[in-house]
């Protein structure tokens, strides 16, 4: 699991394999924009039940002028398919997140679904809950 810490339960053999995995723990969100930003993480937890993962995080972007697309990485499991994640933020720099299938990343989106930049989120607070399939 890399940086994640977890507690897990394995169910007896012969059960429905789609539901035979339960795990909960912490994970470490990280900047995946390529800018090498140090995010301040206040809380990051996950719960996996079968093939579904609920990943939550509260983090703050550093003050930056970097114009790269804002991307958060380090999710505890690889995301199976593209999806959406609701986000709470302290400014209007972005309005949602796009989970990127085949990766452990989420791109932050601005108005009309356009990519949000690191500079637009400079010093901003991000809180999200993402549910995805592994």
Protein backbone atom coordinates (compact mmCIF):
# COMPACT_ATOMS: atom_id res chain seq x y z
CA UNK A 1 0.00 0.00 0.00
CA UNK A 2 2.95 2.34 -0.08
CA UNK A 3 2.43 5.21 2.35
CA UNK A 4 -0.97 3.96 3.51
CA UNK A 5 -1.46 2.25 6.85
CA UNK A 6 -4.34 -0.15 7.23
CA UNK A 7 -6.31 -2.64 9.23
CA UNK A 8 -7.90 -5.39 7.14
CA UNK A 9 -10.24 -8.35 7.43
CA UNK A 10 -10.25 -11.30 5.04
CA UNK A 11 -13.45 -13.31 4.87
CA UNK A 12 -13.53 -17.13 4.67
CA UNK A 13 -12.78 -18.91 1.40
CA UNK A 14 -15.76 -19.83 -0.76
CA UNK A 15 -17.57 -16.52 -0.19
CA UNK A 16 -18.47 -13.97 -2.85
CA UNK A 17 -15.06 -12.64 -3.92
CA UNK A 18 -16.52 -9.22 -4.81
CA UNK A 19 -17.21 -8.66 -1.09
CA UNK A 20 -14.43 -10.56 0.68
CA UNK A 21 -12.21 -7.58 1.47
CA UNK A 22 -12.63 -4.96 4.18
CA UNK A 23 -9.89 -2.52 5.09
CA UNK A 24 -9.57 0.90 6.67
CA UNK A 25 -6.62 3.15 7.31
CA UNK A 26 -4.80 6.33 6.42
CA UNK A 27 -3.15 7.47 3.21
CA UNK A 28 -0.88 10.32 2.12
CA UNK A 29 -2.23 12.72 -0.52
CA UNK A 30 0.54 14.30 -2.58
CA UNK A 31 0.98 16.81 -5.36
CA UNK A 32 0.94 14.91 -8.67
CA UNK A 33 1.13 17.98 -10.93
CA UNK A 34 4.87 17.64 -11.43
CA UNK A 35 5.52 20.90 -9.55
CA UNK A 36 6.79 19.17 -6.39
CA UNK A 37 4.45 21.12 -4.09
CA UNK A 38 4.30 20.19 -0.39
CA UNK A 39 0.61 19.82 0.53
CA UNK A 40 -0.32 20.23 4.19
CA UNK A 41 -2.55 17.27 5.07
CA UNK A 42 -4.76 17.53 8.16
CA UNK A 43 -6.63 14.26 7.69
CA UNK A 44 -6.63 11.48 5.08
CA UNK A 45 -8.48 8.21 5.68
CA UNK A 46 -9.90 5.43 3.53
CA UNK A 47 -12.27 2.50 3.82
CA UNK A 48 -12.31 -0.35 1.31
CA UNK A 49 -15.24 -2.73 1.19
CA UNK A 50 -14.98 -5.29 -1.59
CA UNK A 51 -14.17 -3.42 -4.79
CA UNK A 52 -15.31 0.02 -3.50
CA UNK A 53 -13.02 2.55 -1.83
CA UNK A 54 -14.04 5.70 0.04
CA UNK A 55 -11.04 8.04 0.30
CA UNK A 56 -11.31 11.27 2.28
CA UNK A 57 -8.91 14.13 2.81
CA UNK A 58 -8.55 17.64 4.23
CA UNK A 59 -5.52 19.46 2.85
CA UNK A 60 -4.11 22.91 2.14
CA UNK A 61 -2.17 23.99 -0.94
CA UNK A 62 1.01 25.99 -0.40
CA UNK A 63 1.29 29.53 -1.71
CA UNK A 64 2.52 29.13 -5.30
CA UNK A 65 2.55 30.81 -8.70
CA UNK A 66 2.97 27.47 -10.52
CA UNK A 67 0.64 27.28 -13.54
CA UNK A 68 0.56 23.45 -13.83
CA UNK A 69 -2.79 21.67 -13.74
CA UNK A 70 -3.70 20.85 -10.10
CA UNK A 71 -3.58 17.08 -9.52
CA UNK A 72 -3.70 15.19 -6.21
CA UNK A 73 -2.08 11.75 -6.12
CA UNK A 74 -1.31 9.02 -3.64
CA UNK A 75 -4.78 7.45 -3.46
CA UNK A 76 -4.62 4.16 -1.55
CA UNK A 77 -5.66 1.96 -4.52
CA UNK A 78 -5.57 2.33 -8.29
CA UNK A 79 -8.81 3.85 -9.62
CA UNK A 80 -10.53 1.47 -12.06
CA UNK A 81 -12.54 4.00 -14.09
CA UNK A 82 -12.81 7.76 -14.55
CA UNK A 83 -15.27 9.33 -12.11
CA UNK A 84 -16.24 12.49 -10.26
CA UNK A 85 -15.63 13.58 -6.66
CA UNK A 86 -17.41 16.39 -4.79
CA UNK A 87 -15.03 18.92 -3.25
CA UNK A 88 -15.40 21.61 -0.60
CA UNK A 89 -12.98 24.51 -0.85
CA UNK A 90 -12.47 27.92 0.72
CA UNK A 91 -12.41 29.77 -2.61
CA UNK A 92 -14.01 29.42 -6.04
CA UNK A 93 -10.76 28.23 -7.63
CA UNK A 94 -12.28 24.85 -8.45
CA UNK A 95 -15.63 23.15 -8.26
CA UNK A 96 -14.95 19.44 -8.49
CA UNK A 97 -12.52 16.61 -9.05
CA UNK A 98 -12.06 14.07 -11.84
CA UNK A 99 -10.81 10.68 -10.72
CA UNK A 100 -8.45 9.38 -13.40
CA UNK A 101 -8.93 5.68 -14.22
CA UNK A 102 -5.82 3.49 -14.23
CA UNK A 103 -4.01 5.84 -11.82
CA UNK A 104 -4.05 6.88 -8.18
CA UNK A 105 -4.79 10.52 -9.02
CA UNK A 106 -7.56 13.14 -9.13
CA UNK A 107 -7.46 16.32 -11.24
CA UNK A 108 -9.05 19.44 -9.75
CA UNK A 109 -11.53 21.11 -12.09
CA UNK A 110 -12.63 24.74 -12.40
CA UNK A 111 -15.58 26.37 -14.10
CA UNK A 112 -17.11 24.45 -17.03
CA UNK A 113 -14.95 21.41 -16.20
CA UNK A 114 -11.66 23.05 -17.25
CA UNK A 115 -8.49 22.07 -15.41
CA UNK A 116 -7.72 24.14 -12.33
CA UNK A 117 -4.11 25.25 -11.79
CA UNK A 118 -1.86 25.12 -8.75
CA UNK A 119 -1.70 28.94 -8.80
CA UNK A 120 -5.51 29.17 -8.72
CA UNK A 121 -5.48 27.03 -5.56
CA UNK A 122 -2.54 28.86 -3.96
CA UNK A 123 -3.00 28.82 -0.17
CA UNK A 124 -6.44 27.21 -0.60
CA UNK A 125 -8.16 24.56 1.53
CA UNK A 126 -9.43 21.37 -0.12
CA UNK A 127 -11.77 18.82 1.48
CA UNK A 128 -13.11 15.87 -0.48
CA UNK A 129 -14.66 12.42 -0.31
CA UNK A 130 -14.14 10.21 -3.34
CA UNK A 131 -15.85 6.85 -3.87
CA UNK A 132 -14.34 4.69 -6.59
CA UNK A 133 -14.05 1.12 -7.81
CA UNK A 134 -10.75 -0.77 -7.81
